[in-house]
């Protein structure tokens, strides 16, 4: 197994008026965040990045090395039992993959959604949708 990875954050002030700074790993990425640029965007970016890597790996393992995979994620919050809760994630993936038919592409896209470590970590989200598009 890979060694543990880290991230850190500092928050100053109240929820709506405060601001924070976050670090991914040992300075891989650093940036500010606020109530308006909330954690949902960080989760969406992590999910999209992980999914793109997982999908590329599954494609290559099955003999279909992709030219590229572009992935995005949209995270939606809803109030559940009086608390803000991630209720839906929509993943979108567009791939340029030579020599693959759409049915195989869709099957492997779904497999990547199940196997992606971030998808697995977010398994309690009741609705994770996938829109996978194969470009020619």
N, C-alpha and C. Protein backbone atom coordinates (compact mmCIF):
# COMPACT_ATOMS: atom_id res chain seq x y z
N UNK A 1 0.83 -1.19 0.00
CA UNK A 1 0.00 0.00 0.00
C UNK A 1 0.87 1.25 0.00
N UNK A 2 0.30 2.30 -0.53
CA UNK A 2 0.99 3.60 -0.56
C UNK A 2 1.07 4.18 0.85
N UNK A 3 2.05 5.03 1.05
CA UNK A 3 2.18 5.68 2.35
C UNK A 3 1.05 6.70 2.52
N UNK A 4 0.68 6.99 3.77
CA UNK A 4 -0.40 7.96 4.01
C UNK A 4 -0.07 9.33 3.41
N UNK A 5 -1.09 10.00 2.95
CA UNK A 5 -0.97 11.36 2.39
C UNK A 5 -1.63 12.33 3.34
N UNK A 6 -1.30 13.61 3.21
CA UNK A 6 -1.83 14.57 4.17
C UNK A 6 -2.37 15.82 3.51
N UNK A 7 -3.12 16.53 4.27
CA UNK A 7 -3.63 17.85 3.92
C UNK A 7 -3.88 18.58 5.21
N UNK A 8 -3.90 19.90 5.15
CA UNK A 8 -4.16 20.67 6.36
C UNK A 8 -4.92 21.94 6.00
N UNK A 9 -5.57 22.50 7.00
CA UNK A 9 -6.33 23.73 6.79
C UNK A 9 -6.37 24.54 8.07
N UNK A 10 -6.46 25.84 7.89
CA UNK A 10 -6.65 26.79 8.99
C UNK A 10 -7.87 27.63 8.65
N UNK A 11 -8.71 27.87 9.64
CA UNK A 11 -9.90 28.72 9.45
C UNK A 11 -9.88 29.79 10.50
N UNK A 12 -10.18 31.05 10.09
CA UNK A 12 -10.24 32.17 11.02
C UNK A 12 -11.58 32.87 10.87
N UNK A 13 -12.25 33.06 11.99
CA UNK A 13 -13.52 33.78 11.96
C UNK A 13 -14.71 32.84 11.97
N UNK A 14 -15.89 33.44 11.78
CA UNK A 14 -17.11 32.64 11.77
C UNK A 14 -17.30 31.99 10.40
N UNK A 15 -18.35 31.21 10.28
CA UNK A 15 -18.57 30.42 9.05
C UNK A 15 -18.72 31.30 7.82
N UNK A 16 -19.62 32.27 7.86
CA UNK A 16 -19.90 33.04 6.65
C UNK A 16 -18.92 34.17 6.41
N UNK A 17 -18.34 34.73 7.44
CA UNK A 17 -17.44 35.87 7.26
C UNK A 17 -15.97 35.50 7.34
N UNK A 18 -15.70 34.29 7.75
CA UNK A 18 -14.31 33.88 7.93
C UNK A 18 -13.62 33.52 6.63
N UNK A 19 -12.37 33.11 6.80
CA UNK A 19 -11.60 32.67 5.64
C UNK A 19 -10.56 31.67 6.12
N UNK A 20 -10.09 30.88 5.18
CA UNK A 20 -9.13 29.86 5.54
C UNK A 20 -8.05 29.71 4.49
N UNK A 21 -7.08 28.89 4.84
CA UNK A 21 -6.00 28.55 3.94
C UNK A 21 -5.81 27.05 4.04
N UNK A 22 -5.57 26.40 2.90
CA UNK A 22 -5.40 24.97 2.91
C UNK A 22 -4.13 24.58 2.17
N UNK A 23 -3.60 23.44 2.55
CA UNK A 23 -2.42 22.88 1.92
C UNK A 23 -2.70 21.43 1.58
N UNK A 24 -2.37 21.05 0.37
CA UNK A 24 -2.48 19.66 -0.06
C UNK A 24 -1.09 19.07 -0.04
N UNK A 25 -0.93 17.97 0.69
CA UNK A 25 0.37 17.30 0.76
C UNK A 25 1.44 18.23 1.31
N UNK A 26 2.65 18.02 0.85
CA UNK A 26 3.78 18.85 1.28
C UNK A 26 3.96 20.03 0.34
N UNK A 27 2.89 20.82 0.20
CA UNK A 27 2.95 22.01 -0.63
C UNK A 27 2.63 21.77 -2.09
N UNK A 28 2.00 20.62 -2.42
CA UNK A 28 1.60 20.34 -3.79
C UNK A 28 0.67 21.44 -4.29
N UNK A 29 -0.23 21.87 -3.40
CA UNK A 29 -1.14 22.96 -3.71
C UNK A 29 -1.42 23.70 -2.42
N UNK A 30 -1.45 25.01 -2.48
CA UNK A 30 -1.83 25.84 -1.35
C UNK A 30 -2.79 26.90 -1.87
N UNK A 31 -3.79 27.24 -1.07
CA UNK A 31 -4.70 28.27 -1.49
C UNK A 31 -5.67 28.69 -0.41
N UNK A 32 -6.33 29.79 -0.67
CA UNK A 32 -7.32 30.33 0.25
C UNK A 32 -8.69 29.74 -0.07
N UNK A 33 -9.54 29.69 0.94
CA UNK A 33 -10.93 29.31 0.72
C UNK A 33 -11.81 30.09 1.68
N UNK A 34 -13.06 30.27 1.27
CA UNK A 34 -14.03 31.04 2.05
C UNK A 34 -15.36 30.30 2.04
N UNK A 35 -16.35 30.90 2.66
CA UNK A 35 -17.70 30.32 2.64
C UNK A 35 -18.20 30.15 1.21
N UNK A 36 -17.88 31.12 0.35
CA UNK A 36 -18.33 31.06 -1.04
C UNK A 36 -17.57 30.03 -1.87
N UNK A 37 -16.32 29.76 -1.54
CA UNK A 37 -15.54 28.73 -2.24
C UNK A 37 -15.34 27.57 -1.27
N UNK A 38 -16.40 26.88 -1.01
CA UNK A 38 -16.45 25.96 0.12
C UNK A 38 -15.84 24.60 -0.18
N UNK A 39 -15.91 23.77 0.84
CA UNK A 39 -15.32 22.45 0.79
C UNK A 39 -15.91 21.57 -0.31
N UNK A 40 -17.15 21.85 -0.74
CA UNK A 40 -17.75 21.03 -1.80
C UNK A 40 -16.86 21.05 -3.04
N UNK A 41 -16.28 22.21 -3.33
CA UNK A 41 -15.41 22.32 -4.50
C UNK A 41 -14.13 21.51 -4.32
N UNK A 42 -13.63 21.45 -3.09
CA UNK A 42 -12.44 20.65 -2.82
C UNK A 42 -12.75 19.16 -2.99
N UNK A 43 -13.91 18.73 -2.50
CA UNK A 43 -14.32 17.34 -2.66
C UNK A 43 -14.54 17.03 -4.13
N UNK A 44 -15.17 17.94 -4.86
CA UNK A 44 -15.40 17.74 -6.29
C UNK A 44 -14.08 17.58 -7.04
N UNK A 45 -13.11 18.43 -6.73
CA UNK A 45 -11.81 18.35 -7.41
C UNK A 45 -11.11 17.04 -7.08
N UNK A 46 -11.14 16.64 -5.82
CA UNK A 46 -10.50 15.38 -5.42
C UNK A 46 -11.18 14.20 -6.11
N UNK A 47 -12.50 14.22 -6.18
CA UNK A 47 -13.24 13.12 -6.80
C UNK A 47 -12.94 13.06 -8.30
N UNK A 48 -12.96 14.19 -8.97
CA UNK A 48 -12.68 14.22 -10.41
C UNK A 48 -11.26 13.72 -10.70
N UNK A 49 -10.29 14.18 -9.93
CA UNK A 49 -8.90 13.77 -10.15
C UNK A 49 -8.72 12.28 -9.92
N UNK A 50 -9.28 11.78 -8.84
CA UNK A 50 -9.16 10.35 -8.53
C UNK A 50 -9.86 9.51 -9.59
N UNK A 51 -11.06 9.94 -9.98
CA UNK A 51 -11.82 9.19 -10.98
C UNK A 51 -11.06 9.13 -12.31
N UNK A 52 -10.50 10.25 -12.75
CA UNK A 52 -9.76 10.26 -14.03
C UNK A 52 -8.59 9.27 -13.99
N UNK A 53 -7.89 9.22 -12.87
CA UNK A 53 -6.77 8.29 -12.73
C UNK A 53 -7.27 6.84 -12.69
N UNK A 54 -8.31 6.59 -11.91
CA UNK A 54 -8.84 5.22 -11.80
C UNK A 54 -9.37 4.72 -13.14
N UNK A 55 -10.08 5.58 -13.86
CA UNK A 55 -10.64 5.20 -15.15
C UNK A 55 -9.52 4.93 -16.15
N UNK A 56 -8.52 5.79 -16.18
CA UNK A 56 -7.37 5.58 -17.07
C UNK A 56 -6.71 4.24 -16.78
N UNK A 57 -6.56 3.92 -15.51
CA UNK A 57 -5.93 2.66 -15.12
C UNK A 57 -6.75 1.46 -15.56
N UNK A 58 -8.06 1.51 -15.32
CA UNK A 58 -8.94 0.39 -15.69
C UNK A 58 -8.96 0.21 -17.20
N UNK A 59 -9.01 1.32 -17.94
CA UNK A 59 -8.97 1.22 -19.40
C UNK A 59 -7.68 0.55 -19.86
N UNK A 60 -6.54 1.03 -19.36
CA UNK A 60 -5.24 0.49 -19.77
C UNK A 60 -5.09 -0.97 -19.37
N UNK A 61 -5.55 -1.31 -18.18
CA UNK A 61 -5.48 -2.70 -17.72
C UNK A 61 -6.28 -3.63 -18.62
N UNK A 62 -7.32 -3.09 -19.24
CA UNK A 62 -8.16 -3.88 -20.14
C UNK A 62 -7.77 -3.71 -21.61
N UNK A 63 -6.56 -3.21 -21.84
CA UNK A 63 -6.04 -3.13 -23.20
C UNK A 63 -6.47 -1.92 -24.00
N UNK A 64 -6.95 -0.88 -23.34
CA UNK A 64 -7.44 0.32 -24.03
C UNK A 64 -6.81 1.58 -23.42
N UNK A 65 -5.52 1.76 -23.63
CA UNK A 65 -4.85 2.92 -23.06
C UNK A 65 -5.44 4.20 -23.63
N UNK A 66 -5.94 5.09 -22.78
CA UNK A 66 -6.58 6.31 -23.28
C UNK A 66 -5.56 7.35 -23.72
N UNK A 67 -5.95 8.13 -24.72
CA UNK A 67 -5.17 9.33 -25.05
C UNK A 67 -5.39 10.37 -23.96
N UNK A 68 -6.64 10.47 -23.50
CA UNK A 68 -6.95 11.41 -22.43
C UNK A 68 -8.30 11.07 -21.80
N UNK A 69 -8.42 11.45 -20.54
CA UNK A 69 -9.69 11.40 -19.81
C UNK A 69 -9.85 12.76 -19.15
N UNK A 70 -10.95 13.44 -19.43
CA UNK A 70 -11.28 14.69 -18.75
C UNK A 70 -12.44 14.39 -17.82
N UNK A 71 -12.26 14.68 -16.55
CA UNK A 71 -13.31 14.39 -15.58
C UNK A 71 -13.65 15.65 -14.80
N UNK A 72 -14.92 15.76 -14.44
CA UNK A 72 -15.37 16.83 -13.57
C UNK A 72 -16.39 16.25 -12.60
N UNK A 73 -16.57 16.92 -11.49
CA UNK A 73 -17.56 16.48 -10.50
C UNK A 73 -18.30 17.70 -9.98
N UNK A 74 -19.56 17.50 -9.70
CA UNK A 74 -20.40 18.54 -9.13
C UNK A 74 -21.01 17.98 -7.85
N UNK A 75 -20.78 18.64 -6.73
CA UNK A 75 -21.22 18.18 -5.42
C UNK A 75 -22.36 19.07 -4.95
N UNK A 76 -23.47 18.43 -4.53
CA UNK A 76 -24.64 19.17 -4.06
C UNK A 76 -24.93 18.85 -2.60
N UNK A 77 -25.17 19.91 -1.84
CA UNK A 77 -25.54 19.78 -0.43
C UNK A 77 -27.05 19.92 -0.27
N UNK A 78 -27.58 19.18 0.70
CA UNK A 78 -28.97 19.34 1.12
C UNK A 78 -28.99 19.23 2.64
N UNK A 79 -29.99 19.80 3.23
CA UNK A 79 -30.14 19.65 4.67
C UNK A 79 -30.82 18.31 4.94
N UNK A 80 -30.19 17.48 5.74
CA UNK A 80 -30.73 16.18 6.13
C UNK A 80 -30.67 16.11 7.64
N UNK A 81 -31.81 15.87 8.25
CA UNK A 81 -31.90 15.81 9.72
C UNK A 81 -31.31 17.07 10.36
N UNK A 82 -31.52 18.20 9.72
CA UNK A 82 -31.08 19.48 10.28
C UNK A 82 -29.61 19.80 10.08
N UNK A 83 -28.92 19.01 9.29
CA UNK A 83 -27.48 19.25 9.07
C UNK A 83 -27.17 19.24 7.57
N UNK A 84 -26.26 20.13 7.14
CA UNK A 84 -25.87 20.10 5.73
C UNK A 84 -25.17 18.78 5.42
N UNK A 85 -25.60 18.15 4.31
CA UNK A 85 -25.13 16.82 3.96
C UNK A 85 -24.90 16.74 2.46
N UNK A 86 -23.82 16.09 2.06
CA UNK A 86 -23.60 15.86 0.64
C UNK A 86 -24.64 14.84 0.19
N UNK A 87 -25.53 15.26 -0.69
CA UNK A 87 -26.65 14.43 -1.10
C UNK A 87 -26.53 13.91 -2.52
N UNK A 88 -25.71 14.56 -3.33
CA UNK A 88 -25.60 14.13 -4.73
C UNK A 88 -24.25 14.55 -5.29
N UNK A 89 -23.67 13.68 -6.08
CA UNK A 89 -22.47 13.99 -6.84
C UNK A 89 -22.71 13.54 -8.27
N UNK A 90 -22.42 14.43 -9.20
CA UNK A 90 -22.49 14.07 -10.61
C UNK A 90 -21.07 14.10 -11.17
N UNK A 91 -20.61 12.94 -11.61
CA UNK A 91 -19.31 12.82 -12.27
C UNK A 91 -19.54 12.87 -13.77
N UNK A 92 -18.70 13.59 -14.47
CA UNK A 92 -18.72 13.59 -15.92
C UNK A 92 -17.33 13.22 -16.41
N UNK A 93 -17.27 12.33 -17.37
CA UNK A 93 -15.99 11.90 -17.92
C UNK A 93 -16.08 11.85 -19.44
N UNK A 94 -15.13 12.49 -20.09
CA UNK A 94 -15.04 12.44 -21.54
C UNK A 94 -13.68 11.85 -21.86
N UNK A 95 -13.70 10.79 -22.66
CA UNK A 95 -12.45 10.12 -22.97
C UNK A 95 -12.17 9.99 -24.45
N UNK A 96 -10.91 10.11 -24.77
CA UNK A 96 -10.42 9.78 -26.11
C UNK A 96 -9.67 8.47 -25.96
N UNK A 97 -10.30 7.40 -26.44
CA UNK A 97 -9.76 6.06 -26.25
C UNK A 97 -9.81 5.32 -27.59
N UNK A 98 -8.68 5.17 -28.24
CA UNK A 98 -8.68 4.49 -29.54
C UNK A 98 -9.08 3.01 -29.40
N UNK A 99 -9.86 2.54 -30.38
CA UNK A 99 -10.15 1.12 -30.50
C UNK A 99 -11.09 0.52 -29.48
N UNK A 100 -11.94 1.34 -28.87
CA UNK A 100 -12.90 0.81 -27.88
C UNK A 100 -14.30 1.13 -28.35
N UNK A 101 -15.25 0.22 -28.11
CA UNK A 101 -16.64 0.51 -28.45
C UNK A 101 -17.32 1.16 -27.24
N UNK A 102 -18.44 1.82 -27.49
CA UNK A 102 -19.10 2.59 -26.43
C UNK A 102 -19.59 1.70 -25.29
N UNK A 103 -20.07 0.51 -25.60
CA UNK A 103 -20.57 -0.38 -24.55
C UNK A 103 -19.45 -0.77 -23.58
N UNK A 104 -18.29 -1.12 -24.10
CA UNK A 104 -17.15 -1.46 -23.24
C UNK A 104 -16.72 -0.24 -22.45
N UNK A 105 -16.69 0.91 -23.12
CA UNK A 105 -16.32 2.17 -22.46
C UNK A 105 -17.24 2.45 -21.27
N UNK A 106 -18.54 2.30 -21.48
CA UNK A 106 -19.51 2.56 -20.41
C UNK A 106 -19.33 1.58 -19.25
N UNK A 107 -19.12 0.30 -19.57
CA UNK A 107 -18.92 -0.71 -18.52
C UNK A 107 -17.68 -0.39 -17.68
N UNK A 108 -16.59 -0.03 -18.34
CA UNK A 108 -15.35 0.28 -17.62
C UNK A 108 -15.47 1.60 -16.86
N UNK A 109 -16.25 2.54 -17.39
CA UNK A 109 -16.49 3.81 -16.68
C UNK A 109 -17.23 3.55 -15.37
N UNK A 110 -18.23 2.68 -15.39
CA UNK A 110 -18.96 2.33 -14.18
C UNK A 110 -18.05 1.59 -13.19
N UNK A 111 -17.21 0.70 -13.71
CA UNK A 111 -16.28 -0.02 -12.84
C UNK A 111 -15.34 0.97 -12.14
N UNK A 112 -14.85 1.96 -12.89
CA UNK A 112 -13.96 2.97 -12.30
C UNK A 112 -14.69 3.76 -11.22
N UNK A 113 -15.96 4.05 -11.42
CA UNK A 113 -16.74 4.77 -10.41
C UNK A 113 -16.80 3.96 -9.12
N UNK A 114 -16.95 2.66 -9.23
CA UNK A 114 -17.00 1.81 -8.04
C UNK A 114 -15.64 1.64 -7.38
N UNK A 115 -14.56 1.60 -8.19
CA UNK A 115 -13.23 1.30 -7.66
C UNK A 115 -12.42 2.53 -7.24
N UNK A 116 -12.78 3.71 -7.70
CA UNK A 116 -12.05 4.92 -7.35
C UNK A 116 -12.04 5.08 -5.83
N UNK A 117 -10.85 5.25 -5.22
CA UNK A 117 -10.79 5.38 -3.76
C UNK A 117 -11.65 6.51 -3.19
N UNK A 118 -11.77 7.62 -3.91
CA UNK A 118 -12.60 8.72 -3.40
C UNK A 118 -14.08 8.34 -3.50
N UNK A 119 -14.48 7.65 -4.57
CA UNK A 119 -15.86 7.16 -4.66
C UNK A 119 -16.16 6.23 -3.49
N UNK A 120 -15.21 5.38 -3.18
CA UNK A 120 -15.40 4.44 -2.06
C UNK A 120 -15.51 5.19 -0.74
N UNK A 121 -14.70 6.24 -0.57
CA UNK A 121 -14.76 7.04 0.65
C UNK A 121 -16.09 7.78 0.77
N UNK A 122 -16.69 8.10 -0.37
CA UNK A 122 -17.96 8.84 -0.39
C UNK A 122 -19.16 7.91 -0.56
N UNK A 123 -19.00 6.64 -0.24
CA UNK A 123 -20.05 5.65 -0.46
C UNK A 123 -21.35 5.97 0.27
N UNK A 124 -21.30 6.79 1.31
CA UNK A 124 -22.53 7.14 2.02
C UNK A 124 -23.37 8.18 1.28
N UNK A 125 -22.81 8.79 0.24
CA UNK A 125 -23.60 9.75 -0.55
C UNK A 125 -24.67 8.95 -1.29
N UNK A 126 -25.95 9.29 -1.09
CA UNK A 126 -27.01 8.45 -1.64
C UNK A 126 -27.14 8.47 -3.16
N UNK A 127 -26.61 9.49 -3.82
CA UNK A 127 -26.82 9.59 -5.26
C UNK A 127 -25.53 10.05 -5.94
N UNK A 128 -24.80 9.10 -6.53
CA UNK A 128 -23.62 9.43 -7.33
C UNK A 128 -23.92 9.00 -8.76
N UNK A 129 -24.05 10.00 -9.63
CA UNK A 129 -24.37 9.76 -11.03
C UNK A 129 -23.11 9.85 -11.87
N UNK A 130 -23.09 9.15 -13.00
CA UNK A 130 -21.96 9.20 -13.92
C UNK A 130 -22.47 9.43 -15.33
N UNK A 131 -21.90 10.40 -15.98
CA UNK A 131 -22.16 10.66 -17.40
C UNK A 131 -20.83 10.48 -18.13
N UNK A 132 -20.69 9.35 -18.84
CA UNK A 132 -19.44 9.05 -19.53
C UNK A 132 -19.64 9.18 -21.03
N UNK A 133 -18.78 9.97 -21.67
CA UNK A 133 -18.87 10.22 -23.09
C UNK A 133 -17.58 9.80 -23.75
N UNK A 134 -17.71 9.01 -24.80
CA UNK A 134 -16.56 8.57 -25.59
C UNK A 134 -16.44 9.47 -26.82
N UNK A 135 -15.31 10.15 -26.94
CA UNK A 135 -15.06 10.98 -28.13
C UNK A 135 -14.39 10.14 -29.20
N UNK A 136 -14.70 10.46 -30.43
CA UNK A 136 -14.04 9.71 -31.52
C UNK A 136 -12.80 10.42 -32.00
